[in-house]
Amino acid sequence: MKKRKQKKDYFEKLKCRKSAFFVFRDAAFPPKKGFTLIELVIVVAIVTIMTGVSLTNVSRNKEAKEVEIAASQVASALRSLQNDAVNGKVLTGSSVCRSTLNLVNGEKKYGTSYFSCSSGAQVGAENIFYLSSKKENGIVTSSAASFSFTAPRGDVSSSGFVRLTAGANTYYVCVESSGNIYTQKASCP
């Protein structure tokens, strides 16, 4: 029985020493705080993937936005010509009776011109405007069109549409026979 008690005492002393060792170890070497290398590599990989995906979407949306802006530019030019016809624009001493916008298929530009009431001849030179784009291939018209607005009410010669494209992105400028001009992503009715 004495041996058992000795063994028991020995193990109790050992436990005491063991716990004292851990107390000493924790005091001498406090637990480290921070990230492991694996955690850091995983976070960097996730951030890199997210950045790549977002930059791809931004460039895709940028091209679509440029086509939308070009369509707004053409629609604005059409509305301006319509207003010139309604307001009776005067150029170089001649009253203007007809304002025209011409688009050629596959071109990156459009032209506006004015015609005299008295002679019907063109007043001044045709004004050329380029579709704004920062891309090398740029935005091109995918349809030939000519729209004229006549004084005094700004009546449009014919209804129709202008299709502008850049890559896979397309935008339409719609001109209705009533004179309504608007832009949209879907084809005109």
C-alpha atoms as a PDB file:
ATOM      1  CA  MET A   1       0.000   0.000   0.000  1.00  0.00           C
ATOM      2  CA  LYS A   2       2.892   2.215   0.705  1.00  0.00           C
ATOM      3  CA  LYS A   3       4.084   1.783  -2.858  1.00  0.00           C
ATOM      4  CA  ARG A   4       0.749   2.901  -4.176  1.00  0.00           C
ATOM      5  CA  LYS A   5       0.844   6.008  -2.095  1.00  0.00           C
ATOM      6  CA  GLN A   6       4.353   6.759  -3.282  1.00  0.00           C
ATOM      7  CA  LYS A   7       3.253   6.398  -6.887  1.00  0.00           C
ATOM      8  CA  LYS A   8       0.283   8.643  -6.266  1.00  0.00           C
ATOM      9  CA  ASP A   9       2.479  11.291  -4.664  1.00  0.00           C
ATOM     10  CA  TYR A  10       4.908  11.033  -7.536  1.00  0.00           C
ATOM     11  CA  PHE A  11       2.180  11.642 -10.121  1.00  0.00           C
ATOM     12  CA  GLU A  12       0.783  14.556  -8.165  1.00  0.00           C
ATOM     13  CA  LYS A  13       4.235  16.133  -8.016  1.00  0.00           C
ATOM     14  CA  LEU A  14       4.613  15.496 -11.736  1.00  0.00           C
ATOM     15  CA  LYS A  15       1.273  17.209 -12.437  1.00  0.00           C
ATOM     16  CA  CYS A  16       2.343  20.116 -10.342  1.00  0.00           C
ATOM     17  CA  ARG A  17       5.619  20.378 -12.191  1.00  0.00           C
ATOM     18  CA  LYS A  18       3.883  19.985 -15.516  1.00  0.00           C
ATOM     19  CA  SER A  19       1.450  22.815 -14.825  1.00  0.00           C
ATOM     20  CA  ALA A  20       4.294  24.933 -13.519  1.00  0.00           C
ATOM     21  CA  PHE A  21       6.143  24.264 -16.765  1.00  0.00           C
ATOM     22  CA  PHE A  22       3.193  25.490 -18.830  1.00  0.00           C
ATOM     23  CA  VAL A  23       2.860  28.597 -16.696  1.00  0.00           C
ATOM     24  CA  PHE A  24       6.556  29.279 -17.197  1.00  0.00           C
ATOM     25  CA  ARG A  25       6.339  28.579 -20.926  1.00  0.00           C
ATOM     26  CA  ASP A  26       3.331  30.885 -21.431  1.00  0.00           C
ATOM     27  CA  ALA A  27       5.076  33.655 -19.501  1.00  0.00           C
ATOM     28  CA  ALA A  28       8.364  33.249 -21.351  1.00  0.00           C
ATOM     29  CA  PHE A  29       6.828  32.663 -24.790  1.00  0.00           C
ATOM     30  CA  PRO A  30       3.443  34.356 -25.049  1.00  0.00           C
ATOM     31  CA  PRO A  31       1.127  33.041 -27.800  1.00  0.00           C
ATOM     32  CA  LYS A  32       1.770  34.794 -31.126  1.00  0.00           C
ATOM     33  CA  LYS A  33      -0.982  36.873 -32.647  1.00  0.00           C
ATOM     34  CA  GLY A  34      -1.363  37.427 -36.397  1.00  0.00           C
ATOM     35  CA  PHE A  35      -1.900  35.525 -39.612  1.00  0.00           C
ATOM     36  CA  THR A  36      -0.204  32.443 -40.892  1.00  0.00           C
ATOM     37  CA  LEU A  37       1.429  32.454 -44.298  1.00  0.00           C
ATOM     38  CA  ILE A  38      -1.283  30.204 -45.707  1.00  0.00           C
ATOM     39  CA  GLU A  39      -4.041  32.549 -44.551  1.00  0.00           C
ATOM     40  CA  LEU A  40      -2.240  35.499 -46.092  1.00  0.00           C
ATOM     41  CA  VAL A  41      -1.726  33.720 -49.446  1.00  0.00           C
ATOM     42  CA  ILE A  42      -5.403  32.736 -49.588  1.00  0.00           C
ATOM     43  CA  VAL A  43      -6.553  36.304 -48.929  1.00  0.00           C
ATOM     44  CA  VAL A  44      -4.193  37.698 -51.592  1.00  0.00           C
ATOM     45  CA  ALA A  45      -5.456  35.116 -54.112  1.00  0.00           C
ATOM     46  CA  ILE A  46      -9.094  35.993 -53.412  1.00  0.00           C
ATOM     47  CA  VAL A  47      -8.429  39.734 -53.740  1.00  0.00           C
ATOM     48  CA  THR A  48      -6.564  39.170 -57.032  1.00  0.00           C
ATOM     49  CA  ILE A  49      -9.419  37.140 -58.498  1.00  0.00           C
ATOM     50  CA  MET A  50     -12.029  39.702 -57.411  1.00  0.00           C
ATOM     51  CA  THR A  51      -9.998  42.552 -58.920  1.00  0.00           C
ATOM     52  CA  GLY A  52      -9.621  40.709 -62.225  1.00  0.00           C
ATOM     53  CA  VAL A  53     -13.337  40.016 -62.464  1.00  0.00           C
ATOM     54  CA  SER A  54     -14.316  43.590 -61.636  1.00  0.00           C
ATOM     55  CA  LEU A  55     -11.845  45.106 -64.134  1.00  0.00           C
ATOM     56  CA  THR A  56     -13.188  42.859 -66.891  1.00  0.00           C
ATOM     57  CA  ASN A  57     -16.735  43.997 -66.165  1.00  0.00           C
ATOM     58  CA  VAL A  58     -15.695  47.651 -66.084  1.00  0.00           C
ATOM     59  CA  SER A  59     -14.100  47.488 -69.541  1.00  0.00           C
ATOM     60  CA  ARG A  60     -17.124  45.664 -70.963  1.00  0.00           C
ATOM     61  CA  ASN A  61     -19.496  48.231 -69.470  1.00  0.00           C
ATOM     62  CA  LYS A  62     -17.294  51.067 -70.703  1.00  0.00           C
ATOM     63  CA  GLU A  63     -17.715  50.036 -74.348  1.00  0.00           C
ATOM     64  CA  ALA A  64     -21.491  49.751 -73.897  1.00  0.00           C
ATOM     65  CA  LYS A  65     -21.564  53.195 -72.265  1.00  0.00           C
ATOM     66  CA  GLU A  66     -19.597  54.709 -75.176  1.00  0.00           C
ATOM     67  CA  VAL A  67     -22.178  53.399 -77.660  1.00  0.00           C
ATOM     68  CA  GLU A  68     -24.971  54.810 -75.504  1.00  0.00           C
ATOM     69  CA  ILE A  69     -23.234  58.209 -75.383  1.00  0.00           C
ATOM     70  CA  ALA A  70     -22.757  58.203 -79.170  1.00  0.00           C
ATOM     71  CA  ALA A  71     -26.464  57.427 -79.623  1.00  0.00           C
ATOM     72  CA  SER A  72     -27.319  60.340 -77.322  1.00  0.00           C
ATOM     73  CA  GLN A  73     -24.980  62.534 -79.384  1.00  0.00           C
ATOM     74  CA  VAL A  74     -26.829  61.671 -82.627  1.00  0.00           C
ATOM     75  CA  ALA A  75     -30.238  62.100 -80.956  1.00  0.00           C
ATOM     76  CA  SER A  76     -29.155  65.495 -79.641  1.00  0.00           C
ATOM     77  CA  ALA A  77     -28.038  66.558 -83.127  1.00  0.00           C
ATOM     78  CA  LEU A  78     -31.411  65.477 -84.536  1.00  0.00           C
ATOM     79  CA  ARG A  79     -33.291  67.431 -81.858  1.00  0.00           C
ATOM     80  CA  SER A  80     -31.121  70.477 -82.533  1.00  0.00           C
ATOM     81  CA  LEU A  81     -31.931  70.320 -86.263  1.00  0.00           C
ATOM     82  CA  GLN A  82     -35.614  69.929 -85.424  1.00  0.00           C
ATOM     83  CA  ASN A  83     -35.438  73.008 -83.169  1.00  0.00           C
ATOM     84  CA  ASP A  84     -33.655  74.962 -85.924  1.00  0.00           C
ATOM     85  CA  ALA A  85     -36.520  74.160 -88.304  1.00  0.00           C
ATOM     86  CA  VAL A  86     -39.156  75.168 -85.743  1.00  0.00           C
ATOM     87  CA  ASN A  87     -37.387  78.400 -84.758  1.00  0.00           C
ATOM     88  CA  GLY A  88     -36.644  79.483 -88.333  1.00  0.00           C
ATOM     89  CA  LYS A  89     -32.854  79.494 -88.213  1.00  0.00           C
ATOM     90  CA  VAL A  90     -31.132  82.127 -90.359  1.00  0.00           C
ATOM     91  CA  LEU A  91     -27.707  81.406 -91.885  1.00  0.00           C
ATOM     92  CA  THR A  92     -25.701  83.939 -93.925  1.00  0.00           C
ATOM     93  CA  GLY A  93     -28.791  86.072 -94.460  1.00  0.00           C
ATOM     94  CA  SER A  94     -30.962  83.199 -95.747  1.00  0.00           C
ATOM     95  CA  SER A  95     -33.909  81.715 -93.919  1.00  0.00           C
ATOM     96  CA  VAL A  96     -33.562  77.979 -93.451  1.00  0.00           C
ATOM     97  CA  CYS A  97     -36.555  75.846 -94.418  1.00  0.00           C
ATOM     98  CA  ARG A  98     -35.001  72.405 -94.156  1.00  0.00           C
ATOM     99  CA  SER A  99     -32.387  70.940 -91.786  1.00  0.00           C
ATOM    100  CA  THR A 100     -30.877  67.560 -92.653  1.00  0.00           C
ATOM    101  CA  LEU A 101     -28.768  64.921 -90.908  1.00  0.00           C
ATOM    102  CA  ASN A 102     -26.993  62.328 -93.092  1.00  0.00           C
ATOM    103  CA  LEU A 103     -25.415  59.086 -91.924  1.00  0.00           C
ATOM    104  CA  VAL A 104     -23.456  56.698 -94.137  1.00  0.00           C
ATOM    105  CA  ASN A 105     -23.342  52.983 -93.314  1.00  0.00           C
ATOM    106  CA  GLY A 106     -20.035  51.949 -91.753  1.00  0.00           C
ATOM    107  CA  GLU A 107     -18.842  55.501 -91.066  1.00  0.00           C
ATOM    108  CA  LYS A 108     -17.717  56.984 -87.752  1.00  0.00           C
ATOM    109  CA  LYS A 109     -19.218  60.379 -88.533  1.00  0.00           C
ATOM    110  CA  TYR A 110     -22.392  62.132 -89.581  1.00  0.00           C
ATOM    111  CA  GLY A 111     -23.128  65.405 -91.318  1.00  0.00           C
ATOM    112  CA  THR A 112     -25.683  68.165 -90.870  1.00  0.00           C
ATOM    113  CA  SER A 113     -26.711  70.652 -93.528  1.00  0.00           C
ATOM    114  CA  TYR A 114     -29.224  73.452 -93.998  1.00  0.00           C
ATOM    115  CA  PHE A 115     -31.241  74.433 -97.083  1.00  0.00           C
ATOM    116  CA  SER A 116     -32.582  77.854 -98.058  1.00  0.00           C
ATOM    117  CA  CYS A 117     -36.302  78.655 -98.251  1.00  0.00           C
ATOM    118  CA  SER A 118     -35.987  80.828-101.350  1.00  0.00           C
ATOM    119  CA  SER A 119     -33.642  78.793-103.569  1.00  0.00           C
ATOM    120  CA  GLY A 120     -33.764  75.346-101.975  1.00  0.00           C
ATOM    121  CA  ALA A 121     -29.965  75.240-102.238  1.00  0.00           C
ATOM    122  CA  GLN A 122     -27.687  74.248 -99.413  1.00  0.00           C
ATOM    123  CA  VAL A 123     -26.694  77.168 -97.194  1.00  0.00           C
ATOM    124  CA  GLY A 124     -23.040  76.935 -96.157  1.00  0.00           C
ATOM    125  CA  ALA A 125     -20.959  73.794 -96.031  1.00  0.00           C
ATOM    126  CA  GLU A 126     -22.042  70.521 -94.498  1.00  0.00           C
ATOM    127  CA  ASN A 127     -20.979  70.261 -90.849  1.00  0.00           C
ATOM    128  CA  ILE A 128     -19.223  66.969 -90.075  1.00  0.00           C
ATOM    129  CA  PHE A 129     -19.323  65.480 -86.576  1.00  0.00           C
ATOM    130  CA  TYR A 130     -17.401  62.417 -85.412  1.00  0.00           C
ATOM    131  CA  LEU A 131     -18.880  59.852 -83.068  1.00  0.00           C
ATOM    132  CA  SER A 132     -16.961  60.047 -79.815  1.00  0.00           C
ATOM    133  CA  SER A 133     -15.011  56.918 -78.924  1.00  0.00           C
ATOM    134  CA  LYS A 134     -11.720  56.118 -77.242  1.00  0.00           C
ATOM    135  CA  LYS A 135     -11.411  52.714 -78.924  1.00  0.00           C
ATOM    136  CA  GLU A 136      -9.317  52.174 -82.041  1.00  0.00           C
ATOM    137  CA  ASN A 137     -12.128  50.479 -83.981  1.00  0.00           C
ATOM    138  CA  GLY A 138     -14.585  52.996 -82.583  1.00  0.00           C
ATOM    139  CA  ILE A 139     -18.302  53.291 -82.983  1.00  0.00           C
ATOM    140  CA  VAL A 140     -19.750  52.973 -86.462  1.00  0.00           C
ATOM    141  CA  THR A 141     -23.189  53.475 -87.951  1.00  0.00           C
ATOM    142  CA  SER A 142     -24.697  50.169 -89.020  1.00  0.00           C
ATOM    143  CA  SER A 143     -27.406  51.765 -91.110  1.00  0.00           C
ATOM    144  CA  ALA A 144     -27.524  54.527 -93.699  1.00  0.00           C
ATOM    145  CA  ALA A 145     -30.103  57.187 -92.920  1.00  0.00           C
ATOM    146  CA  SER A 146     -31.101  60.713 -93.789  1.00  0.00           C
ATOM    147  CA  PHE A 147     -33.553  62.767 -91.773  1.00  0.00           C
ATOM    148  CA  SER A 148     -34.856  66.197 -92.778  1.00  0.00           C
ATOM    149  CA  PHE A 149     -36.889  68.617 -90.687  1.00  0.00           C
ATOM    150  CA  THR A 150     -38.937  71.301 -92.444  1.00  0.00           C
ATOM    151  CA  ALA A 151     -40.075  74.698 -91.249  1.00  0.00           C
ATOM    152  CA  PRO A 152     -42.289  75.964 -89.669  1.00  0.00           C
ATOM    153  CA  ARG A 153     -43.341  72.974 -87.514  1.00  0.00           C
ATOM    154  CA  GLY A 154     -40.204  70.823 -87.652  1.00  0.00           C
ATOM    155  CA  ASP A 155     -41.956  67.986 -89.474  1.00  0.00           C
ATOM    156  CA  VAL A 156     -39.668  65.020 -90.125  1.00  0.00           C
ATOM    157  CA  SER A 157     -39.319  63.760 -93.708  1.00  0.00           C
ATOM    158  CA  SER A 158     -39.620  60.100 -92.732  1.00  0.00           C
ATOM    159  CA  SER A 159     -39.537  57.910 -89.683  1.00  0.00           C
ATOM    160  CA  GLY A 160     -36.676  55.498 -89.188  1.00  0.00           C
ATOM    161  CA  PHE A 161     -33.739  54.629 -87.009  1.00  0.00           C
ATOM    162  CA  VAL A 162     -29.989  54.858 -86.696  1.00  0.00           C
ATOM    163  CA  ARG A 163     -28.135  51.783 -85.434  1.00  0.00           C
ATOM    164  CA  LEU A 164     -24.765  52.419 -83.787  1.00  0.00           C
ATOM    165  CA  THR A 165     -22.432  49.541 -82.957  1.00  0.00           C
ATOM    166  CA  ALA A 166     -19.087  48.958 -81.288  1.00  0.00           C
ATOM    167  CA  GLY A 167     -18.086  45.336 -80.905  1.00  0.00           C
ATOM    168  CA  ALA A 168     -21.034  43.385 -79.529  1.00  0.00           C
ATOM    169  CA  ASN A 169     -22.807  46.512 -78.241  1.00  0.00           C
ATOM    170  CA  THR A 170     -25.605  48.121 -80.244  1.00  0.00           C
ATOM    171  CA  TYR A 171     -27.744  51.161 -79.540  1.00  0.00           C
ATOM    172  CA  TYR A 172     -30.582  52.670 -81.576  1.00  0.00           C
ATOM    173  CA  VAL A 173     -31.738  56.224 -82.202  1.00  0.00           C
ATOM    174  CA  CYS A 174     -35.420  56.123 -83.143  1.00  0.00           C
ATOM    175  CA  VAL A 175     -37.165  58.874 -85.117  1.00  0.00           C
ATOM    176  CA  GLU A 176     -40.959  58.638 -85.269  1.00  0.00           C
ATOM    177  CA  SER A 177     -43.162  60.268 -87.913  1.00  0.00           C
ATOM    178  CA  SER A 178     -44.649  62.425 -85.134  1.00  0.00           C
ATOM    179  CA  GLY A 179     -41.191  63.966 -84.613  1.00  0.00           C
ATOM    180  CA  ASN A 180     -40.433  62.123 -81.386  1.00  0.00           C
ATOM    181  CA  ILE A 181     -36.713  61.265 -81.104  1.00  0.00           C
ATOM    182  CA  TYR A 182     -35.357  58.845 -78.493  1.00  0.00           C
ATOM    183  CA  THR A 183     -32.589  56.305 -77.860  1.00  0.00           C
ATOM    184  CA  GLN A 184     -32.873  52.719 -76.710  1.00  0.00           C
ATOM    185  CA  LYS A 185     -30.935  49.465 -76.559  1.00  0.00           C
ATOM    186  CA  ALA A 186     -33.613  47.412 -78.310  1.00  0.00           C
ATOM    187  CA  SER A 187     -34.554  47.774 -81.957  1.00  0.00           C
ATOM    188  CA  CYS A 188     -36.967  50.572 -82.843  1.00  0.00           C
ATOM    189  CA  PRO A 189     -40.637  49.680 -83.397  1.00  0.00           C
END
